[in-house]
Amino acid sequence: MKKTVIIIIGFVLLVMAICVWKMVGDGTIRVGPANDQFEKLSPGKYKVGSDIDLDEGKYGVYAISGNGKVHIDEKEYSLNNDLYKDASKQPNTTKKGILFEESPKIEIKKAMTIVVEGNKDFVISFVKR
């Protein structure tokens, strides 16, 4: 009887571990901290690699203050600081996760151009997980 219960529990744990591993691999579940220690950009035109130092990869882009538009790789994103205000009410680790999950995702590549347009107090930044 004890041996059967142990085998069933082991099987259930194995199935759960496989499901979690699969979901992490698919990106359904994100594991690890988010990094928001990137440059803050005000309105202007920036080239990745020369004007701003970002590694290639997927980032979330969000407005810290003001509102405006960001043009990245022929796509336009309208941003305002509402998300940042809401996320700032949370603890720092939760704030970074919220900023990444709720902000538009962009794929940064070397030498691409980022154009920031907005009012004079419009400032954006990036978060990566």
N, C-alpha and C. Protein backbone atom coordinates (compact mmCIF):
# COMPACT_ATOMS: atom_id res chain seq x y z
N MET A 1 0.82 -1.20 0.00
CA MET A 1 0.00 0.00 0.00
C MET A 1 0.86 1.26 0.00
N LYS A 2 1.89 1.32 0.89
CA LYS A 2 2.77 2.48 0.95
C LYS A 2 3.53 2.66 -0.35
N LYS A 3 3.96 1.58 -0.93
CA LYS A 3 4.73 1.63 -2.18
C LYS A 3 3.86 2.21 -3.31
N THR A 4 2.60 1.85 -3.38
CA THR A 4 1.70 2.35 -4.41
C THR A 4 1.47 3.85 -4.25
N VAL A 5 1.28 4.32 -3.02
CA VAL A 5 1.08 5.75 -2.75
C VAL A 5 2.33 6.54 -3.15
N ILE A 6 3.50 6.03 -2.83
CA ILE A 6 4.75 6.71 -3.18
C ILE A 6 4.91 6.78 -4.69
N ILE A 7 4.58 5.73 -5.39
CA ILE A 7 4.67 5.72 -6.86
C ILE A 7 3.70 6.73 -7.46
N ILE A 8 2.50 6.80 -6.95
CA ILE A 8 1.50 7.76 -7.46
C ILE A 8 1.96 9.19 -7.20
N ILE A 9 2.45 9.47 -6.00
CA ILE A 9 2.94 10.81 -5.68
C ILE A 9 4.12 11.17 -6.57
N GLY A 10 5.03 10.24 -6.77
CA GLY A 10 6.18 10.47 -7.65
C GLY A 10 5.75 10.77 -9.07
N PHE A 11 4.76 10.04 -9.57
CA PHE A 11 4.26 10.26 -10.92
C PHE A 11 3.61 11.64 -11.05
N VAL A 12 2.82 12.02 -10.08
CA VAL A 12 2.17 13.34 -10.09
C VAL A 12 3.23 14.45 -10.07
N LEU A 13 4.24 14.32 -9.23
CA LEU A 13 5.30 15.32 -9.17
C LEU A 13 6.07 15.40 -10.49
N LEU A 14 6.32 14.26 -11.11
CA LEU A 14 7.01 14.22 -12.40
C LEU A 14 6.19 14.94 -13.47
N VAL A 15 4.89 14.70 -13.52
CA VAL A 15 4.02 15.36 -14.49
C VAL A 15 3.99 16.87 -14.24
N MET A 16 3.93 17.27 -12.98
CA MET A 16 3.93 18.70 -12.66
C MET A 16 5.25 19.36 -13.06
N ALA A 17 6.36 18.68 -12.81
CA ALA A 17 7.67 19.23 -13.18
C ALA A 17 7.79 19.37 -14.70
N ILE A 18 7.30 18.41 -15.44
CA ILE A 18 7.34 18.48 -16.90
C ILE A 18 6.48 19.64 -17.40
N CYS A 19 5.31 19.83 -16.81
CA CYS A 19 4.42 20.93 -17.21
C CYS A 19 5.07 22.29 -16.95
N VAL A 20 5.67 22.47 -15.79
CA VAL A 20 6.33 23.73 -15.46
C VAL A 20 7.51 23.97 -16.40
N TRP A 21 8.31 22.95 -16.65
CA TRP A 21 9.45 23.06 -17.56
C TRP A 21 8.99 23.48 -18.96
N LYS A 22 7.90 22.89 -19.43
CA LYS A 22 7.36 23.20 -20.75
C LYS A 22 6.85 24.65 -20.80
N MET A 23 6.16 25.10 -19.76
CA MET A 23 5.62 26.46 -19.73
C MET A 23 6.75 27.50 -19.65
N VAL A 24 7.82 27.22 -18.92
CA VAL A 24 8.96 28.13 -18.87
C VAL A 24 9.62 28.20 -20.24
N GLY A 25 9.76 27.06 -20.91
CA GLY A 25 10.34 27.03 -22.25
C GLY A 25 9.52 27.78 -23.27
N ASP A 26 8.20 27.73 -23.16
CA ASP A 26 7.31 28.43 -24.09
C ASP A 26 7.20 29.91 -23.78
N GLY A 27 7.65 30.34 -22.61
CA GLY A 27 7.52 31.75 -22.23
C GLY A 27 6.21 32.05 -21.52
N THR A 28 5.40 31.02 -21.24
CA THR A 28 4.14 31.22 -20.52
C THR A 28 4.41 31.69 -19.10
N ILE A 29 5.42 31.11 -18.48
CA ILE A 29 5.83 31.49 -17.13
C ILE A 29 7.21 32.11 -17.24
N ARG A 30 7.41 33.26 -16.64
CA ARG A 30 8.71 33.92 -16.67
C ARG A 30 9.38 33.74 -15.31
N VAL A 31 10.63 33.32 -15.36
CA VAL A 31 11.39 33.08 -14.14
C VAL A 31 12.59 34.01 -14.17
N GLY A 32 12.86 34.64 -13.06
CA GLY A 32 14.02 35.51 -12.97
C GLY A 32 13.63 36.96 -12.83
N PRO A 33 14.58 37.76 -12.38
CA PRO A 33 14.29 39.18 -12.14
C PRO A 33 14.26 39.98 -13.44
N ALA A 34 13.59 41.10 -13.39
CA ALA A 34 13.57 42.04 -14.52
C ALA A 34 14.60 43.13 -14.25
N ASN A 35 15.21 43.63 -15.30
CA ASN A 35 16.22 44.68 -15.18
C ASN A 35 15.68 45.96 -15.81
N ASP A 36 15.66 47.03 -15.02
CA ASP A 36 15.20 48.31 -15.57
C ASP A 36 16.27 49.39 -15.48
N GLN A 37 17.52 48.97 -15.39
CA GLN A 37 18.62 49.92 -15.27
C GLN A 37 19.17 50.29 -16.65
N PHE A 38 18.32 50.91 -17.47
CA PHE A 38 18.72 51.32 -18.81
C PHE A 38 18.57 52.82 -18.94
N GLU A 39 19.13 53.35 -20.02
CA GLU A 39 19.10 54.79 -20.25
C GLU A 39 17.68 55.31 -20.38
N LYS A 40 17.51 56.54 -19.96
CA LYS A 40 16.23 57.24 -20.12
C LYS A 40 16.36 58.14 -21.33
N LEU A 41 15.39 58.09 -22.23
CA LEU A 41 15.46 58.84 -23.47
C LEU A 41 14.37 59.90 -23.51
N SER A 42 14.75 61.12 -23.81
CA SER A 42 13.80 62.21 -24.04
C SER A 42 13.61 62.35 -25.55
N PRO A 43 12.70 63.20 -26.01
CA PRO A 43 12.46 63.31 -27.45
C PRO A 43 13.75 63.53 -28.25
N GLY A 44 13.87 62.75 -29.31
CA GLY A 44 15.06 62.81 -30.16
C GLY A 44 15.19 61.55 -30.98
N LYS A 45 16.29 61.44 -31.71
CA LYS A 45 16.56 60.29 -32.56
C LYS A 45 17.83 59.61 -32.04
N TYR A 46 17.75 58.29 -31.83
CA TYR A 46 18.84 57.55 -31.22
C TYR A 46 19.17 56.32 -32.07
N LYS A 47 20.46 56.00 -32.13
CA LYS A 47 20.89 54.80 -32.84
C LYS A 47 21.47 53.82 -31.82
N VAL A 48 20.96 52.59 -31.83
CA VAL A 48 21.42 51.57 -30.88
C VAL A 48 22.88 51.24 -31.19
N GLY A 49 23.69 51.24 -30.17
CA GLY A 49 25.10 50.92 -30.33
C GLY A 49 25.98 52.16 -30.29
N SER A 50 25.51 53.28 -30.87
CA SER A 50 26.33 54.49 -30.84
C SER A 50 25.75 55.53 -29.87
N ASP A 51 24.44 55.79 -29.95
CA ASP A 51 23.83 56.78 -29.06
C ASP A 51 23.36 56.17 -27.74
N ILE A 52 22.86 54.95 -27.80
CA ILE A 52 22.40 54.26 -26.59
C ILE A 52 23.00 52.87 -26.55
N ASP A 53 23.27 52.40 -25.35
CA ASP A 53 23.93 51.11 -25.16
C ASP A 53 22.90 50.07 -24.71
N LEU A 54 22.34 49.34 -25.67
CA LEU A 54 21.40 48.26 -25.38
C LEU A 54 21.89 47.00 -26.09
N ASP A 55 21.86 45.88 -25.39
CA ASP A 55 22.18 44.61 -26.03
C ASP A 55 21.00 44.17 -26.87
N GLU A 56 21.26 43.32 -27.84
CA GLU A 56 20.16 42.78 -28.65
C GLU A 56 19.26 41.94 -27.77
N GLY A 57 17.97 41.96 -28.04
CA GLY A 57 17.03 41.16 -27.28
C GLY A 57 15.67 41.82 -27.19
N LYS A 58 14.80 41.19 -26.41
CA LYS A 58 13.43 41.68 -26.25
C LYS A 58 13.34 42.57 -25.01
N TYR A 59 12.77 43.74 -25.19
CA TYR A 59 12.61 44.73 -24.13
C TYR A 59 11.16 45.19 -24.06
N GLY A 60 10.77 45.67 -22.91
CA GLY A 60 9.53 46.40 -22.77
C GLY A 60 9.88 47.87 -22.77
N VAL A 61 9.09 48.70 -23.44
CA VAL A 61 9.34 50.14 -23.47
C VAL A 61 8.17 50.83 -22.77
N TYR A 62 8.49 51.78 -21.88
CA TYR A 62 7.44 52.45 -21.11
C TYR A 62 7.80 53.92 -20.90
N ALA A 63 6.79 54.73 -20.64
CA ALA A 63 6.99 56.15 -20.39
C ALA A 63 7.14 56.38 -18.89
N ILE A 64 8.17 57.12 -18.54
CA ILE A 64 8.38 57.50 -17.13
C ILE A 64 7.58 58.75 -16.82
N SER A 65 7.58 59.69 -17.76
CA SER A 65 6.79 60.92 -17.57
C SER A 65 6.30 61.41 -18.92
N GLY A 66 5.23 62.18 -18.88
CA GLY A 66 4.68 62.76 -20.09
C GLY A 66 3.98 61.75 -20.98
N ASN A 67 3.71 62.16 -22.21
CA ASN A 67 3.12 61.24 -23.19
C ASN A 67 3.64 61.59 -24.57
N GLY A 68 3.64 60.58 -25.44
CA GLY A 68 4.16 60.78 -26.78
C GLY A 68 4.19 59.48 -27.54
N LYS A 69 5.01 59.45 -28.57
CA LYS A 69 5.11 58.27 -29.44
C LYS A 69 6.56 57.86 -29.58
N VAL A 70 6.75 56.56 -29.78
CA VAL A 70 8.07 56.00 -30.02
C VAL A 70 8.01 55.22 -31.33
N HIS A 71 8.93 55.50 -32.24
CA HIS A 71 9.02 54.79 -33.51
C HIS A 71 10.23 53.87 -33.44
N ILE A 72 9.96 52.57 -33.54
CA ILE A 72 11.03 51.58 -33.49
C ILE A 72 10.81 50.59 -34.62
N ASP A 73 11.78 50.49 -35.49
CA ASP A 73 11.74 49.50 -36.57
C ASP A 73 10.44 49.58 -37.37
N GLU A 74 10.10 50.79 -37.81
CA GLU A 74 8.92 51.06 -38.62
C GLU A 74 7.59 50.81 -37.90
N LYS A 75 7.61 50.67 -36.59
CA LYS A 75 6.39 50.52 -35.80
C LYS A 75 6.28 51.71 -34.86
N GLU A 76 5.04 52.11 -34.59
CA GLU A 76 4.80 53.26 -33.73
C GLU A 76 4.07 52.82 -32.48
N TYR A 77 4.54 53.28 -31.33
CA TYR A 77 3.92 52.96 -30.05
C TYR A 77 3.55 54.26 -29.35
N SER A 78 2.29 54.40 -28.97
CA SER A 78 1.84 55.57 -28.20
C SER A 78 1.95 55.21 -26.72
N LEU A 79 2.64 56.07 -25.98
CA LEU A 79 2.89 55.80 -24.56
C LEU A 79 2.49 56.98 -23.70
N ASN A 80 2.05 56.68 -22.48
CA ASN A 80 1.89 57.71 -21.46
C ASN A 80 2.37 57.11 -20.15
N ASN A 81 2.47 57.92 -19.13
CA ASN A 81 3.07 57.45 -17.88
C ASN A 81 2.09 56.79 -16.91
N ASP A 82 0.87 56.47 -17.34
CA ASP A 82 -0.10 55.81 -16.45
C ASP A 82 0.41 54.47 -15.93
N LEU A 83 0.99 53.66 -16.81
CA LEU A 83 1.51 52.36 -16.39
C LEU A 83 2.61 52.53 -15.35
N TYR A 84 3.51 53.47 -15.57
CA TYR A 84 4.60 53.71 -14.63
C TYR A 84 4.07 54.16 -13.27
N LYS A 85 3.07 55.04 -13.27
CA LYS A 85 2.48 55.51 -12.02
C LYS A 85 1.86 54.34 -11.24
N ASP A 86 1.10 53.49 -11.95
CA ASP A 86 0.47 52.34 -11.29
C ASP A 86 1.51 51.35 -10.78
N ALA A 87 2.52 51.07 -11.59
CA ALA A 87 3.55 50.10 -11.19
C ALA A 87 4.39 50.62 -10.03
N SER A 88 4.57 51.93 -9.94
CA SER A 88 5.40 52.52 -8.89
C SER A 88 4.79 52.36 -7.50
N LYS A 89 3.53 52.00 -7.43
CA LYS A 89 2.87 51.78 -6.14
C LYS A 89 3.23 50.41 -5.55
N GLN A 90 3.89 49.59 -6.34
CA GLN A 90 4.25 48.22 -5.94
C GLN A 90 5.70 48.18 -5.45
N PRO A 91 6.09 47.10 -4.74
CA PRO A 91 7.51 46.93 -4.39
C PRO A 91 8.35 46.86 -5.67
N ASN A 92 9.64 47.18 -5.55
CA ASN A 92 10.51 47.33 -6.72
C ASN A 92 10.52 46.10 -7.63
N THR A 93 10.64 44.89 -7.07
CA THR A 93 10.69 43.70 -7.92
C THR A 93 9.37 43.49 -8.65
N THR A 94 8.27 43.75 -7.98
CA THR A 94 6.96 43.62 -8.60
C THR A 94 6.78 44.71 -9.65
N LYS A 95 7.25 45.91 -9.36
CA LYS A 95 7.15 47.03 -10.30
C LYS A 95 7.82 46.69 -11.62
N LYS A 96 9.02 46.13 -11.56
CA LYS A 96 9.75 45.78 -12.79
C LYS A 96 9.00 44.72 -13.59
N GLY A 97 8.45 43.73 -12.90
CA GLY A 97 7.68 42.70 -13.59
C GLY A 97 6.45 43.25 -14.27
N ILE A 98 5.75 44.15 -13.57
CA ILE A 98 4.55 44.77 -14.15
C ILE A 98 4.93 45.60 -15.37
N LEU A 99 6.00 46.38 -15.26
CA LEU A 99 6.43 47.20 -16.39
C LEU A 99 6.75 46.33 -17.61
N PHE A 100 7.42 45.20 -17.39
CA PHE A 100 7.76 44.35 -18.52
C PHE A 100 6.53 43.69 -19.12
N GLU A 101 5.68 43.14 -18.27
CA GLU A 101 4.53 42.39 -18.77
C GLU A 101 3.49 43.27 -19.44
N GLU A 102 3.30 44.49 -18.95
CA GLU A 102 2.22 45.34 -19.45
C GLU A 102 2.66 46.32 -20.54
N SER A 103 3.94 46.47 -20.75
CA SER A 103 4.41 47.43 -21.76
C SER A 103 4.56 46.76 -23.13
N PRO A 104 4.57 47.57 -24.20
CA PRO A 104 4.79 46.99 -25.53
C PRO A 104 6.16 46.34 -25.61
N LYS A 105 6.24 45.18 -26.23
CA LYS A 105 7.51 44.46 -26.37
C LYS A 105 8.15 44.84 -27.70
N ILE A 106 9.44 45.11 -27.66
CA ILE A 106 10.17 45.45 -28.87
C ILE A 106 11.40 44.55 -28.97
N GLU A 107 11.82 44.29 -30.16
CA GLU A 107 13.03 43.49 -30.40
C GLU A 107 14.13 44.46 -30.81
N ILE A 108 15.14 44.60 -29.95
CA ILE A 108 16.25 45.52 -30.23
C ILE A 108 17.33 44.77 -31.00
N LYS A 109 17.80 45.43 -32.07
CA LYS A 109 18.91 44.90 -32.87
C LYS A 109 19.96 46.00 -32.98
N LYS A 110 21.20 45.61 -33.18
CA LYS A 110 22.28 46.58 -33.32
C LYS A 110 22.02 47.51 -34.50
N ALA A 111 22.37 48.76 -34.33
CA ALA A 111 22.31 49.80 -35.36
C ALA A 111 20.89 50.19 -35.76
N MET A 112 19.87 49.76 -35.05
CA MET A 112 18.51 50.21 -35.39
C MET A 112 18.28 51.60 -34.81
N THR A 113 17.34 52.32 -35.38
CA THR A 113 17.05 53.68 -34.97
C THR A 113 15.78 53.73 -34.12
N ILE A 114 15.84 54.49 -33.03
CA ILE A 114 14.69 54.72 -32.16
C ILE A 114 14.39 56.22 -32.18
N VAL A 115 13.16 56.57 -32.55
CA VAL A 115 12.76 57.97 -32.59
C VAL A 115 11.71 58.19 -31.49
N VAL A 116 11.99 59.15 -30.62
CA VAL A 116 11.09 59.48 -29.51
C VAL A 116 10.48 60.85 -29.80
N GLU A 117 9.15 60.92 -29.84
CA GLU A 117 8.44 62.18 -30.07
C GLU A 117 7.43 62.37 -28.94
N GLY A 118 7.35 63.58 -28.44
CA GLY A 118 6.36 63.85 -27.40
C GLY A 118 6.53 65.23 -26.83
N ASN A 119 5.75 65.49 -25.76
CA ASN A 119 5.86 66.80 -25.11
C ASN A 119 7.22 66.93 -24.42
N LYS A 120 7.53 68.13 -23.94
CA LYS A 120 8.89 68.39 -23.44
C LYS A 120 9.28 67.54 -22.23
N ASP A 121 8.30 67.06 -21.46
CA ASP A 121 8.64 66.24 -20.29
C ASP A 121 8.51 64.74 -20.57
N PHE A 122 8.35 64.36 -21.84
CA PHE A 122 8.22 62.95 -22.21
C PHE A 122 9.58 62.25 -22.09
N VAL A 123 9.62 61.22 -21.27
CA VAL A 123 10.84 60.44 -21.05
C VAL A 123 10.45 58.97 -21.06
N ILE A 124 11.20 58.15 -21.81
CA ILE A 124 10.94 56.71 -21.85
C ILE A 124 12.15 55.95 -21.33
N SER A 125 11.93 54.70 -21.01
CA SER A 125 13.02 53.81 -20.66
C SER A 125 12.63 52.39 -21.05
N PHE A 126 13.50 51.47 -20.73
CA PHE A 126 13.33 50.09 -21.13
C PHE A 126 13.43 49.17 -19.91
N VAL A 127 12.82 48.02 -20.03
CA VAL A 127 12.92 46.98 -19.01
C VAL A 127 13.11 45.65 -19.74
N LYS A 128 13.99 44.82 -19.19
CA LYS A 128 14.29 43.53 -19.83
C LYS A 128 14.18 42.43 -18.79
N ARG A 129 13.69 41.29 -19.23
CA ARG A 129 13.58 40.16 -18.32
C ARG A 129 14.34 38.99 -18.88
